[in-house]
Amino acid sequence: MAKVYYEKDADISLLKGKTIGVIGYGNQGHAQAQNLRDSGLKVKIGELKGTVGWEKAKEAGFEVNENEKIAQEADILQVLIPDEYQAQMYKSDIAPYLKEGK
């Protein structure tokens, strides 16, 4: 049987003071970004400039920037874009900015 985790099983204080970058503001990205923000965490959105996702994230009150900028600024990244785009975006927008512990 699968183990189910609840709020009491996590220590959100470990994420306080960190910037969480959510790459992609679609079906998964918008929900997870809002949950993180509602939990009191600092969230920034990475999106392609001029896309619907960019506009929706702005309208929701998030700081939005291009993926490579978020990759540089965030302590933790969530990559929530369609699978077929992840490899190329990772190579061009994330990998060049990774460093130890990030």
N, C-alpha and C. Protein backbone atom coordinates (compact mmCIF):
# COMPACT_ATOMS: atom_id res chain seq x y z
N MET A 1 0.84 -1.18 0.00
CA MET A 1 0.00 0.00 0.00
C MET A 1 0.89 1.25 0.00
N ALA A 2 0.46 2.25 -0.71
CA ALA A 2 1.22 3.50 -0.82
C ALA A 2 1.18 4.26 0.50
N LYS A 3 2.28 4.93 0.80
CA LYS A 3 2.34 5.76 2.00
C LYS A 3 1.80 7.15 1.65
N VAL A 4 0.92 7.64 2.46
CA VAL A 4 0.33 8.96 2.27
C VAL A 4 0.99 9.92 3.25
N TYR A 5 1.40 11.07 2.74
CA TYR A 5 2.04 12.09 3.58
C TYR A 5 1.05 13.23 3.84
N TYR A 6 1.13 13.77 5.03
CA TYR A 6 0.25 14.86 5.45
C TYR A 6 1.10 16.05 5.87
N GLU A 7 0.44 17.16 6.11
CA GLU A 7 1.13 18.40 6.48
C GLU A 7 2.06 18.20 7.68
N LYS A 8 1.65 17.42 8.63
CA LYS A 8 2.47 17.18 9.83
C LYS A 8 3.75 16.41 9.52
N ASP A 9 3.80 15.77 8.35
CA ASP A 9 4.98 14.99 7.95
C ASP A 9 6.08 15.84 7.32
N ALA A 10 5.80 17.09 7.07
CA ALA A 10 6.76 17.96 6.39
C ALA A 10 7.14 19.14 7.28
N ASP A 11 8.33 19.64 7.07
CA ASP A 11 8.81 20.82 7.81
C ASP A 11 9.03 21.95 6.81
N ILE A 12 8.00 22.75 6.61
CA ILE A 12 8.06 23.82 5.60
C ILE A 12 9.09 24.88 5.95
N SER A 13 9.51 24.93 7.20
CA SER A 13 10.52 25.92 7.58
C SER A 13 11.83 25.70 6.82
N LEU A 14 12.05 24.49 6.32
CA LEU A 14 13.26 24.22 5.53
C LEU A 14 13.27 25.01 4.22
N LEU A 15 12.10 25.45 3.78
CA LEU A 15 12.00 26.20 2.53
C LEU A 15 11.89 27.71 2.75
N LYS A 16 11.67 28.13 3.97
CA LYS A 16 11.57 29.57 4.27
C LYS A 16 12.88 30.25 3.92
N GLY A 17 12.78 31.42 3.31
CA GLY A 17 13.97 32.17 2.93
C GLY A 17 14.56 31.74 1.61
N LYS A 18 14.01 30.70 1.01
CA LYS A 18 14.47 30.23 -0.30
C LYS A 18 13.55 30.79 -1.38
N THR A 19 14.11 30.95 -2.56
CA THR A 19 13.31 31.34 -3.72
C THR A 19 13.04 30.09 -4.54
N ILE A 20 11.77 29.84 -4.79
CA ILE A 20 11.38 28.67 -5.58
C ILE A 20 10.98 29.15 -6.97
N GLY A 21 11.65 28.62 -7.96
CA GLY A 21 11.33 28.94 -9.35
C GLY A 21 10.47 27.86 -9.94
N VAL A 22 9.34 28.26 -10.48
CA VAL A 22 8.44 27.33 -11.15
C VAL A 22 8.53 27.63 -12.64
N ILE A 23 9.09 26.69 -13.39
CA ILE A 23 9.24 26.86 -14.83
C ILE A 23 8.00 26.27 -15.49
N GLY A 24 7.20 27.14 -16.07
CA GLY A 24 5.95 26.73 -16.70
C GLY A 24 4.76 27.09 -15.83
N TYR A 25 3.82 27.81 -16.40
CA TYR A 25 2.63 28.22 -15.66
C TYR A 25 1.38 27.68 -16.36
N GLY A 26 1.40 26.37 -16.60
CA GLY A 26 0.26 25.69 -17.22
C GLY A 26 -0.56 24.98 -16.16
N ASN A 27 -1.09 23.82 -16.53
CA ASN A 27 -1.97 23.05 -15.63
C ASN A 27 -1.31 22.74 -14.30
N GLN A 28 -0.09 22.26 -14.32
CA GLN A 28 0.61 21.91 -13.08
C GLN A 28 1.26 23.14 -12.43
N GLY A 29 1.93 23.94 -13.24
CA GLY A 29 2.69 25.06 -12.72
C GLY A 29 1.86 26.06 -11.95
N HIS A 30 0.69 26.41 -12.48
CA HIS A 30 -0.10 27.43 -11.79
C HIS A 30 -0.60 26.92 -10.45
N ALA A 31 -1.02 25.67 -10.37
CA ALA A 31 -1.53 25.13 -9.11
C ALA A 31 -0.42 25.00 -8.07
N GLN A 32 0.73 24.49 -8.49
CA GLN A 32 1.82 24.33 -7.53
C GLN A 32 2.38 25.67 -7.08
N ALA A 33 2.48 26.62 -8.00
CA ALA A 33 2.98 27.95 -7.63
C ALA A 33 2.05 28.61 -6.62
N GLN A 34 0.76 28.51 -6.84
CA GLN A 34 -0.19 29.12 -5.91
C GLN A 34 -0.15 28.43 -4.55
N ASN A 35 -0.03 27.11 -4.54
CA ASN A 35 0.08 26.38 -3.27
C ASN A 35 1.31 26.82 -2.49
N LEU A 36 2.43 26.92 -3.17
CA LEU A 36 3.67 27.33 -2.51
C LEU A 36 3.55 28.75 -1.96
N ARG A 37 3.00 29.65 -2.77
CA ARG A 37 2.82 31.03 -2.32
C ARG A 37 1.86 31.09 -1.14
N ASP A 38 0.76 30.34 -1.22
CA ASP A 38 -0.21 30.32 -0.12
C ASP A 38 0.38 29.74 1.16
N SER A 39 1.45 28.98 1.03
CA SER A 39 2.15 28.43 2.20
C SER A 39 3.18 29.40 2.75
N GLY A 40 3.24 30.61 2.16
CA GLY A 40 4.13 31.64 2.66
C GLY A 40 5.52 31.63 2.06
N LEU A 41 5.70 30.93 0.95
CA LEU A 41 7.02 30.84 0.33
C LEU A 41 7.15 31.83 -0.82
N LYS A 42 8.40 32.18 -1.13
CA LYS A 42 8.70 33.11 -2.22
C LYS A 42 8.79 32.32 -3.52
N VAL A 43 7.93 32.66 -4.47
CA VAL A 43 7.83 31.93 -5.73
C VAL A 43 7.99 32.89 -6.90
N LYS A 44 8.81 32.49 -7.86
CA LYS A 44 8.96 33.22 -9.12
C LYS A 44 8.64 32.27 -10.26
N ILE A 45 8.06 32.81 -11.31
CA ILE A 45 7.63 32.00 -12.45
C ILE A 45 8.54 32.23 -13.64
N GLY A 46 8.95 31.14 -14.28
CA GLY A 46 9.67 31.19 -15.55
C GLY A 46 8.73 30.80 -16.67
N GLU A 47 8.65 31.64 -17.68
CA GLU A 47 7.76 31.38 -18.81
C GLU A 47 8.37 32.00 -20.05
N LEU A 48 7.83 31.64 -21.20
CA LEU A 48 8.23 32.28 -22.44
C LEU A 48 7.51 33.62 -22.55
N LYS A 49 8.28 34.65 -22.82
CA LYS A 49 7.72 36.01 -22.90
C LYS A 49 6.63 36.06 -23.97
N GLY A 50 5.53 36.70 -23.62
CA GLY A 50 4.44 36.88 -24.56
C GLY A 50 3.45 35.74 -24.64
N THR A 51 3.65 34.70 -23.83
CA THR A 51 2.72 33.57 -23.86
C THR A 51 1.54 33.80 -22.93
N VAL A 52 0.53 32.97 -23.10
CA VAL A 52 -0.64 33.03 -22.22
C VAL A 52 -0.21 32.78 -20.78
N GLY A 53 0.70 31.82 -20.58
CA GLY A 53 1.18 31.51 -19.24
C GLY A 53 1.83 32.71 -18.57
N TRP A 54 2.63 33.45 -19.34
CA TRP A 54 3.28 34.66 -18.83
C TRP A 54 2.23 35.64 -18.32
N GLU A 55 1.22 35.89 -19.16
CA GLU A 55 0.17 36.85 -18.81
C GLU A 55 -0.64 36.39 -17.60
N LYS A 56 -0.98 35.11 -17.56
CA LYS A 56 -1.77 34.59 -16.43
C LYS A 56 -0.98 34.67 -15.13
N ALA A 57 0.30 34.37 -15.18
CA ALA A 57 1.13 34.46 -13.97
C ALA A 57 1.22 35.90 -13.48
N LYS A 58 1.38 36.83 -14.41
CA LYS A 58 1.41 38.27 -14.04
C LYS A 58 0.09 38.67 -13.39
N GLU A 59 -1.02 38.26 -14.03
CA GLU A 59 -2.35 38.59 -13.50
C GLU A 59 -2.56 38.02 -12.10
N ALA A 60 -1.95 36.88 -11.83
CA ALA A 60 -2.08 36.24 -10.51
C ALA A 60 -1.14 36.87 -9.48
N GLY A 61 -0.34 37.86 -9.92
CA GLY A 61 0.51 38.58 -8.98
C GLY A 61 1.90 38.00 -8.78
N PHE A 62 2.32 37.09 -9.65
CA PHE A 62 3.66 36.52 -9.53
C PHE A 62 4.68 37.38 -10.26
N GLU A 63 5.91 37.31 -9.78
CA GLU A 63 7.04 37.87 -10.52
C GLU A 63 7.34 36.87 -11.63
N VAL A 64 7.35 37.34 -12.87
CA VAL A 64 7.55 36.46 -14.02
C VAL A 64 8.76 36.94 -14.80
N ASN A 65 9.56 36.00 -15.25
CA ASN A 65 10.71 36.33 -16.08
C ASN A 65 11.00 35.15 -16.99
N GLU A 66 11.96 35.32 -17.87
CA GLU A 66 12.32 34.24 -18.77
C GLU A 66 13.00 33.13 -17.98
N ASN A 67 12.92 31.91 -18.50
CA ASN A 67 13.39 30.72 -17.78
C ASN A 67 14.82 30.85 -17.29
N GLU A 68 15.72 31.32 -18.14
CA GLU A 68 17.13 31.38 -17.73
C GLU A 68 17.35 32.36 -16.57
N LYS A 69 16.57 33.42 -16.52
CA LYS A 69 16.67 34.38 -15.41
C LYS A 69 16.20 33.73 -14.11
N ILE A 70 15.11 33.00 -14.17
CA ILE A 70 14.60 32.31 -12.99
C ILE A 70 15.59 31.23 -12.54
N ALA A 71 16.19 30.54 -13.50
CA ALA A 71 17.19 29.51 -13.16
C ALA A 71 18.37 30.11 -12.41
N GLN A 72 18.71 31.35 -12.72
CA GLN A 72 19.82 32.02 -12.04
C GLN A 72 19.42 32.48 -10.64
N GLU A 73 18.19 32.90 -10.47
CA GLU A 73 17.74 33.51 -9.21
C GLU A 73 17.22 32.52 -8.18
N ALA A 74 16.66 31.40 -8.63
CA ALA A 74 15.99 30.48 -7.71
C ALA A 74 16.97 29.56 -6.99
N ASP A 75 16.62 29.23 -5.76
CA ASP A 75 17.37 28.24 -4.99
C ASP A 75 16.89 26.83 -5.33
N ILE A 76 15.61 26.72 -5.65
CA ILE A 76 14.97 25.45 -5.97
C ILE A 76 14.17 25.66 -7.25
N LEU A 77 14.25 24.71 -8.17
CA LEU A 77 13.50 24.80 -9.42
C LEU A 77 12.53 23.64 -9.56
N GLN A 78 11.34 23.94 -10.05
CA GLN A 78 10.39 22.93 -10.48
C GLN A 78 10.24 23.12 -11.98
N VAL A 79 10.44 22.07 -12.74
CA VAL A 79 10.28 22.14 -14.20
C VAL A 79 8.94 21.50 -14.53
N LEU A 80 7.98 22.34 -14.87
CA LEU A 80 6.60 21.88 -15.07
C LEU A 80 6.10 22.28 -16.46
N ILE A 81 6.92 21.94 -17.45
CA ILE A 81 6.54 22.18 -18.84
C ILE A 81 6.34 20.81 -19.50
N PRO A 82 5.71 20.78 -20.69
CA PRO A 82 5.49 19.50 -21.36
C PRO A 82 6.80 18.73 -21.57
N ASP A 83 6.72 17.42 -21.41
CA ASP A 83 7.89 16.55 -21.50
C ASP A 83 8.71 16.77 -22.76
N GLU A 84 8.05 16.96 -23.88
CA GLU A 84 8.77 17.07 -25.15
C GLU A 84 9.66 18.31 -25.24
N TYR A 85 9.47 19.28 -24.36
CA TYR A 85 10.28 20.50 -24.38
C TYR A 85 11.33 20.54 -23.26
N GLN A 86 11.24 19.63 -22.32
CA GLN A 86 12.09 19.71 -21.14
C GLN A 86 13.58 19.57 -21.43
N ALA A 87 13.97 18.62 -22.25
CA ALA A 87 15.40 18.38 -22.49
C ALA A 87 16.08 19.60 -23.09
N GLN A 88 15.50 20.15 -24.14
CA GLN A 88 16.11 21.30 -24.80
C GLN A 88 16.13 22.52 -23.88
N MET A 89 15.03 22.76 -23.18
CA MET A 89 14.96 23.92 -22.28
C MET A 89 15.97 23.75 -21.15
N TYR A 90 16.12 22.54 -20.63
CA TYR A 90 17.09 22.30 -19.57
C TYR A 90 18.50 22.64 -20.06
N LYS A 91 18.85 22.14 -21.24
CA LYS A 91 20.20 22.38 -21.79
C LYS A 91 20.48 23.86 -22.01
N SER A 92 19.49 24.58 -22.52
CA SER A 92 19.74 25.99 -22.87
C SER A 92 19.48 26.97 -21.73
N ASP A 93 18.50 26.69 -20.89
CA ASP A 93 18.05 27.69 -19.92
C ASP A 93 18.38 27.38 -18.46
N ILE A 94 18.67 26.13 -18.13
CA ILE A 94 18.93 25.77 -16.74
C ILE A 94 20.37 25.32 -16.51
N ALA A 95 20.83 24.35 -17.26
CA ALA A 95 22.15 23.74 -17.03
C ALA A 95 23.29 24.76 -16.93
N PRO A 96 23.32 25.80 -17.78
CA PRO A 96 24.44 26.75 -17.68
C PRO A 96 24.50 27.50 -16.34
N TYR A 97 23.41 27.50 -15.59
CA TYR A 97 23.35 28.29 -14.36
C TYR A 97 23.36 27.44 -13.09
N LEU A 98 23.48 26.14 -13.24
CA LEU A 98 23.53 25.28 -12.06
C LEU A 98 24.87 25.41 -11.36
N LYS A 99 24.83 25.29 -10.06
CA LYS A 99 26.06 25.28 -9.27
C LYS A 99 25.85 24.32 -8.11
N GLU A 100 26.91 24.00 -7.41
CA GLU A 100 26.81 23.05 -6.31
C GLU A 100 25.76 23.50 -5.30
N GLY A 101 24.91 22.57 -4.91
CA GLY A 101 23.87 22.87 -3.94
C GLY A 101 22.61 23.46 -4.54
N LYS A 102 22.59 23.62 -5.85
CA LYS A 102 21.41 24.21 -6.50
C LYS A 102 20.84 23.23 -7.50
